[in-house]
Every structure is written in C-alpha cells, then in structure tokens.
Amino acid sequence: MARAGAILAATLDLMASNVRQGISTGELDKLAERFIRSRGGEPTFKGYRGFPGSICASPNAMIVHGIPGPYRLKSGDIISIDVGVTLDGWVADAARTFPVRDVSKEASNLLSATEESLHAGVAECRVGNRIGDVSSAIQRLAEGAGLSVVRSLVGHGVGRSMHEDPQVPNYGKPGKGPLLEEGMVLAIEPMTTAGRSAVRMGSDGWAIFSQDGSPAAHFEFTVAITAAGPQVLTPWHLAPDARATAPLIEGVASAG
C-alpha cells in the first residue's frame, strides 16, 4: 500500500503543478490517468460503480465526486482532487484542495483549516485510541476555525478494496467507537464547508454540493496504524530521489 501511496502522492504533486487558470478538469483527469499507468498502477476510481473518471474533480461548492469534464478553472476557484491508485491489488486513497491563483480570505481559511484538521486527526491514529479520538480531533480544529464539518460523508478503512470498515466520521466524542489496532489502514478525510453542513446531490447522481452554495474543501491521507505511531502512506511530497527514479511520460510534466 505504501508503494501505491507513493504513486498517488506523485500524482497529486503533478496535479498541484498543473492546476491553473484555463485548464479543464477533463485535462487534469487525462494527465492523472496517464501518469498513474506509467508508474504501473491503475486508477481505482475509473469504472468504480460506473464512475467515468480517473480522478474526482470538485470545484468550489462541490464537495466530492465531481466527474471530470469541460469545466475550465478560473482565478479565485478552489478545486478538490481525489485520487485512488491500485497496485498489485492494494489500494491507496488521498485528496487535496488547491487554490487557483488569488482566492478569497474565506477560501484561504477554509483550505488551511481543513488541512490542519486532517493532520490533527492523523495524530490520533495510534494503537489503543478509538475512532472517536480521530473524529473529535478533526471536529475541534475545523469548527474552531469557523467551518462546518460535513456529517453525511465519512472516511473509511482501505486495503484490498477502496471502501472497507470501519467508517471514520469527521465528528464525534473522544474514547468512543472502534478500537484502533496495529495493522489497520484508514482513509482519514475531513470534508468541510465555509457555510452550513447540509448537502445536496447533483443532477448527475455523483456530485455532492454544499446545500447553501458555500465553498467546500476535502483533504485526505491513507494512514497505517503501526506500533511506532501513524504512518502516512500518501504524503504530499515525495523525497526528490524518489521522484527522480520514476519514468516520465511524453506530454506530462515532472511531479514536484
């Protein structure tokens, strides 16, 4: 799973270097798929329950599950990109939300606080803790920054399948829920809005939006529970030597 996670992390670095005004979400999807396959992986999302894309690309008030297509990013947008990679039958899952050029103070706070809440949740992924310790840490930080936690969407276990038990809500009480044990792997993924927590389903049956139209953010790591503490299998930035050993493909910029 760490090897799948390394491919995924490099893919998100590639997305970071290509998110810009004028690019379409469909073009980002093609870049991601070619890159993942060039590393020997498979895009986990493609074909999953009929999903047509290799990434989920969700701009602005869209929280998750955006189908890549003709939408072109513009200055002031934010874009959540969620990626899954399968390698040798093992899955890694991660997401980041990116600003497009100059964004509002509201959006900047949304992104920074949601990312910080992810790190707060990861810090609780320790043997002997419970899911509620992770959930409450995320909730405290996000709500303390004035955000709303989306309660109808949750993190999850991940392994041979993309979605496994246990569910990992982004709100809860410390000391409650399933016990964290060595060897478990979890997708920790706070999803927040700058407004209210209620959501609505888009007309395509996939995209989920904030009901009040407020901007939304999504950050996610795949995290292993180990005796030495939490191990993030999808870190944002690979070491330079790890990137250097990977083959490049024509027409795709180096991740980094």
Protein backbone atom coordinates (compact mmCIF):
# COMPACT_ATOMS: atom_id res chain seq x y z
CA MET A 1 0.00 0.00 0.00
CA ALA A 2 2.93 2.34 0.62
CA ARG A 3 4.06 1.76 -2.98
CA ALA A 4 0.56 2.56 -4.23
CA GLY A 5 0.61 5.58 -1.96
CA ALA A 6 3.90 6.80 -3.43
CA ILE A 7 2.37 6.76 -6.93
CA LEU A 8 -0.68 8.57 -5.61
CA ALA A 9 1.38 11.22 -3.83
CA ALA A 10 3.34 11.87 -7.02
CA THR A 11 0.05 12.12 -8.93
CA LEU A 12 -1.23 14.79 -6.54
CA ASP A 13 2.08 16.63 -6.89
CA LEU A 14 1.52 16.50 -10.65
CA MET A 15 -1.98 17.92 -10.16
CA ALA A 16 -0.54 20.70 -7.99
CA SER A 17 1.84 21.71 -10.77
CA ASN A 18 -0.93 21.72 -13.40
CA VAL A 19 -3.87 23.33 -11.56
CA ARG A 20 -4.05 26.75 -13.22
CA GLN A 21 -6.45 29.16 -14.81
CA GLY A 22 -7.83 27.81 -18.10
CA ILE A 23 -7.14 24.09 -17.69
CA SER A 24 -10.19 21.82 -17.74
CA THR A 25 -10.95 19.15 -15.17
CA GLY A 26 -11.05 16.67 -18.04
CA GLU A 27 -7.48 17.58 -19.00
CA LEU A 28 -6.36 17.07 -15.40
CA ASP A 29 -8.05 13.67 -15.44
CA LYS A 30 -6.15 12.60 -18.56
CA LEU A 31 -2.84 13.74 -17.05
CA ALA A 32 -3.53 11.78 -13.88
CA GLU A 33 -4.54 8.57 -15.64
CA ARG A 34 -1.52 8.57 -17.96
CA PHE A 35 0.79 9.26 -15.04
CA ILE A 36 -0.67 6.53 -12.79
CA ARG A 37 -0.48 3.93 -15.56
CA SER A 38 3.08 4.97 -16.42
CA ARG A 39 4.07 4.00 -12.87
CA GLY A 40 2.44 0.57 -13.15
CA GLY A 41 -0.67 1.45 -11.16
CA GLU A 42 -4.33 1.56 -12.04
CA PRO A 43 -6.71 4.47 -11.35
CA THR A 44 -9.01 2.93 -8.73
CA PHE A 45 -11.93 5.26 -9.38
CA LYS A 46 -12.23 4.55 -13.10
CA GLY A 47 -15.25 2.29 -13.57
CA TYR A 48 -15.96 2.10 -9.82
CA ARG A 49 -19.73 1.69 -9.67
CA GLY A 50 -19.77 3.20 -13.16
CA PHE A 51 -17.74 6.33 -12.35
CA PRO A 52 -16.23 7.53 -15.65
CA GLY A 53 -13.16 9.42 -14.41
CA SER A 54 -9.76 8.52 -13.03
CA ILE A 55 -9.99 11.37 -10.52
CA CYS A 56 -12.80 13.16 -8.76
CA ALA A 57 -12.52 16.88 -9.57
CA SER A 58 -14.83 19.02 -7.44
CA PRO A 59 -14.69 22.81 -7.78
CA ASN A 60 -15.94 25.43 -5.33
CA ALA A 61 -19.24 24.39 -3.68
CA MET A 62 -18.90 20.81 -4.94
CA ILE A 63 -17.61 18.76 -2.02
CA VAL A 64 -16.78 15.40 -3.60
CA HIS A 65 -17.37 13.03 -6.54
CA GLY A 66 -17.09 15.57 -9.34
CA ILE A 67 -16.93 13.96 -12.79
CA PRO A 68 -14.04 15.47 -14.80
CA GLY A 69 -15.15 17.24 -17.95
CA PRO A 70 -15.22 20.55 -19.80
CA TYR A 71 -15.24 22.88 -16.78
CA ARG A 72 -12.23 25.22 -17.01
CA LEU A 73 -10.69 26.58 -13.86
CA LYS A 74 -10.69 30.33 -13.32
CA SER A 75 -8.88 32.64 -10.93
CA GLY A 76 -10.48 32.53 -7.49
CA ASP A 77 -11.70 28.94 -7.82
CA ILE A 78 -10.76 26.16 -5.46
CA ILE A 79 -10.65 22.60 -6.73
CA SER A 80 -10.70 19.38 -4.69
CA ILE A 81 -8.95 16.49 -6.43
CA ASP A 82 -9.46 13.00 -5.02
CA VAL A 83 -7.36 10.12 -6.39
CA GLY A 84 -7.23 6.37 -5.86
CA VAL A 85 -4.38 4.12 -7.00
CA THR A 86 -4.40 0.32 -7.07
CA LEU A 87 -1.08 -1.52 -7.24
CA ASP A 88 -0.76 -5.31 -7.01
CA GLY A 89 -4.30 -5.47 -5.65
CA TRP A 90 -3.78 -2.90 -2.88
CA VAL A 91 -5.46 0.49 -2.78
CA ALA A 92 -4.33 3.93 -1.63
CA ASP A 93 -6.71 6.90 -1.46
CA ALA A 94 -5.96 10.61 -0.95
CA ALA A 95 -7.21 14.10 -1.78
CA ARG A 96 -6.11 17.73 -1.76
CA THR A 97 -7.90 21.01 -2.38
CA PHE A 98 -6.00 23.57 -4.44
CA PRO A 99 -6.44 27.32 -4.89
CA VAL A 100 -6.46 28.75 -8.41
CA ARG A 101 -4.41 31.95 -8.33
CA ASP A 102 -5.85 34.52 -5.94
CA VAL A 103 -8.62 33.22 -3.69
CA SER A 104 -10.72 34.96 -1.04
CA LYS A 105 -9.76 35.09 2.62
CA GLU A 106 -12.74 32.83 3.29
CA ALA A 107 -11.42 30.22 0.86
CA SER A 108 -7.88 30.53 2.18
CA ASN A 109 -9.08 29.90 5.75
CA LEU A 110 -11.20 27.00 4.53
CA LEU A 111 -8.23 25.29 2.88
CA SER A 112 -5.69 25.86 5.63
CA ALA A 113 -8.01 24.87 8.49
CA THR A 114 -9.27 21.75 6.71
CA GLU A 115 -5.72 20.61 6.01
CA GLU A 116 -4.79 21.29 9.64
CA SER A 117 -7.79 19.25 10.78
CA LEU A 118 -6.52 16.32 8.70
CA HIS A 119 -3.17 16.45 10.48
CA ALA A 120 -4.95 16.68 13.84
CA GLY A 121 -6.90 13.52 13.01
CA VAL A 122 -3.82 11.66 11.80
CA ALA A 123 -2.03 12.44 15.08
CA GLU A 124 -4.71 10.41 16.91
CA CYS A 125 -4.22 7.32 14.71
CA ARG A 126 -2.40 5.40 17.41
CA VAL A 127 -2.73 1.87 18.77
CA GLY A 128 -5.16 1.90 21.69
CA ASN A 129 -7.05 5.01 20.63
CA ARG A 130 -10.54 4.84 19.21
CA ILE A 131 -12.16 6.20 16.07
CA GLY A 132 -13.84 8.87 18.20
CA ASP A 133 -10.42 10.26 19.15
CA VAL A 134 -9.67 10.82 15.46
CA SER A 135 -13.13 12.19 14.70
CA SER A 136 -13.23 14.61 17.61
CA ALA A 137 -9.76 15.99 16.84
CA ILE A 138 -10.87 16.81 13.29
CA GLN A 139 -14.12 18.37 14.51
CA ARG A 140 -12.49 20.53 17.16
CA LEU A 141 -9.99 22.07 14.79
CA ALA A 142 -12.41 22.58 11.88
CA GLU A 143 -15.22 24.05 13.94
CA GLY A 144 -12.75 26.14 15.94
CA ALA A 145 -11.81 27.81 12.65
CA GLY A 146 -15.46 28.60 11.90
CA LEU A 147 -16.04 25.76 9.44
CA SER A 148 -18.82 23.21 9.29
CA VAL A 149 -17.99 19.50 9.17
CA VAL A 150 -19.98 17.59 6.54
CA ARG A 151 -21.61 14.90 8.65
CA SER A 152 -23.18 12.82 5.89
CA LEU A 153 -19.78 11.90 4.38
CA VAL A 154 -17.13 9.89 6.20
CA GLY A 155 -13.66 8.40 5.95
CA HIS A 156 -13.20 4.64 5.89
CA GLY A 157 -10.94 1.66 6.09
CA VAL A 158 -8.95 0.86 2.95
CA GLY A 159 -6.99 -2.17 1.79
CA ARG A 160 -7.84 -4.68 -0.91
CA SER A 161 -10.99 -2.63 -1.53
CA MET A 162 -11.36 1.13 -1.61
CA HIS A 163 -14.13 1.25 0.97
CA GLU A 164 -13.81 -1.05 3.97
CA ASP A 165 -14.84 -0.95 7.62
CA PRO A 166 -14.64 0.93 9.87
CA GLN A 167 -16.28 4.22 8.94
CA VAL A 168 -14.38 7.28 10.16
CA PRO A 169 -16.72 10.25 10.77
CA ASN A 170 -15.25 13.74 10.98
CA TYR A 171 -17.12 14.49 14.19
CA GLY A 172 -17.55 12.52 17.39
CA LYS A 173 -16.59 12.02 21.02
CA PRO A 174 -13.16 11.00 22.33
CA GLY A 175 -12.92 7.43 23.60
CA LYS A 176 -15.88 6.20 21.55
CA GLY A 177 -16.08 3.90 18.55
CA PRO A 178 -13.95 1.00 17.26
CA LEU A 179 -10.54 0.40 18.81
CA LEU A 180 -7.51 1.22 16.66
CA GLU A 181 -5.20 -1.78 16.33
CA GLU A 182 -1.80 -2.29 14.74
CA GLY A 183 -2.10 -3.15 11.05
CA MET A 184 -5.31 -1.22 10.39
CA VAL A 185 -5.21 1.24 7.49
CA LEU A 186 -7.64 4.17 7.35
CA ALA A 187 -8.55 6.86 4.85
CA ILE A 188 -8.79 9.96 7.04
CA GLU A 189 -10.62 12.64 5.06
CA PRO A 190 -12.16 15.77 6.56
CA MET A 191 -14.74 17.39 4.28
CA THR A 192 -15.84 20.86 5.35
CA THR A 193 -17.72 23.92 4.15
CA ALA A 194 -17.41 27.61 4.90
CA GLY A 195 -21.17 27.66 5.49
CA ARG A 196 -23.59 25.05 6.76
CA SER A 197 -23.08 21.29 6.83
CA ALA A 198 -26.14 20.24 4.79
CA VAL A 199 -25.51 18.82 1.32
CA ARG A 200 -27.41 18.17 -1.90
CA MET A 201 -26.90 15.67 -4.70
CA GLY A 202 -26.15 16.93 -8.19
CA SER A 203 -28.25 16.03 -11.21
CA ASP A 204 -25.63 13.55 -12.49
CA GLY A 205 -26.13 11.34 -9.44
CA TRP A 206 -22.48 11.65 -8.40
CA ALA A 207 -21.51 15.19 -7.42
CA ILE A 208 -22.33 16.31 -3.88
CA PHE A 209 -22.58 20.04 -3.18
CA SER A 210 -22.94 22.20 -0.10
CA GLN A 211 -26.65 22.91 0.08
CA ASP A 212 -26.15 26.63 0.72
CA GLY A 213 -23.60 27.05 -2.09
CA SER A 214 -20.72 27.80 0.26
CA PRO A 215 -17.21 26.73 -0.80
CA ALA A 216 -16.07 23.28 0.33
CA ALA A 217 -12.72 21.59 0.94
CA HIS A 218 -11.53 17.98 1.07
CA PHE A 219 -8.16 16.72 2.29
CA GLU A 220 -7.32 13.03 2.72
CA PHE A 221 -4.47 10.74 3.67
CA THR A 222 -4.20 6.95 3.73
CA VAL A 223 -2.77 6.20 7.18
CA ALA A 224 -1.41 2.94 8.62
CA ILE A 225 -1.73 2.25 12.35
CA THR A 226 1.68 0.98 13.49
CA ALA A 227 3.36 0.26 16.81
CA ALA A 228 5.59 3.29 16.18
CA GLY A 229 2.63 5.60 15.55
CA PRO A 230 0.70 6.75 12.49
CA GLN A 231 2.38 6.22 9.12
CA VAL A 232 1.04 8.35 6.27
CA LEU A 233 1.20 6.27 3.10
CA THR A 234 0.25 9.16 0.79
CA PRO A 235 2.49 12.09 1.86
CA TRP A 236 2.09 15.30 -0.12
CA HIS A 237 5.69 15.47 -1.31
CA LEU A 238 7.96 12.55 -2.11
CA ALA A 239 11.66 12.84 -1.46
CA PRO A 240 13.48 14.21 -4.54
CA ASP A 241 15.35 10.94 -5.09
CA ALA A 242 12.04 9.02 -5.15
CA ARG A 243 10.70 11.30 -7.89
CA ALA A 244 13.94 11.07 -9.84
CA THR A 245 13.73 7.29 -10.17
CA ALA A 246 10.29 7.37 -11.79
CA PRO A 247 9.94 7.38 -15.58
CA LEU A 248 8.38 10.43 -17.22
CA ILE A 249 5.82 10.16 -19.99
CA GLU A 250 5.62 12.35 -23.05
CA GLY A 251 3.45 15.40 -22.57
CA VAL A 252 3.29 15.13 -18.79
CA ALA A 253 5.35 17.38 -16.57
CA SER A 254 7.51 16.01 -13.78
CA ALA A 255 5.67 15.80 -10.49
CA GLY A 256 7.05 18.15 -7.94
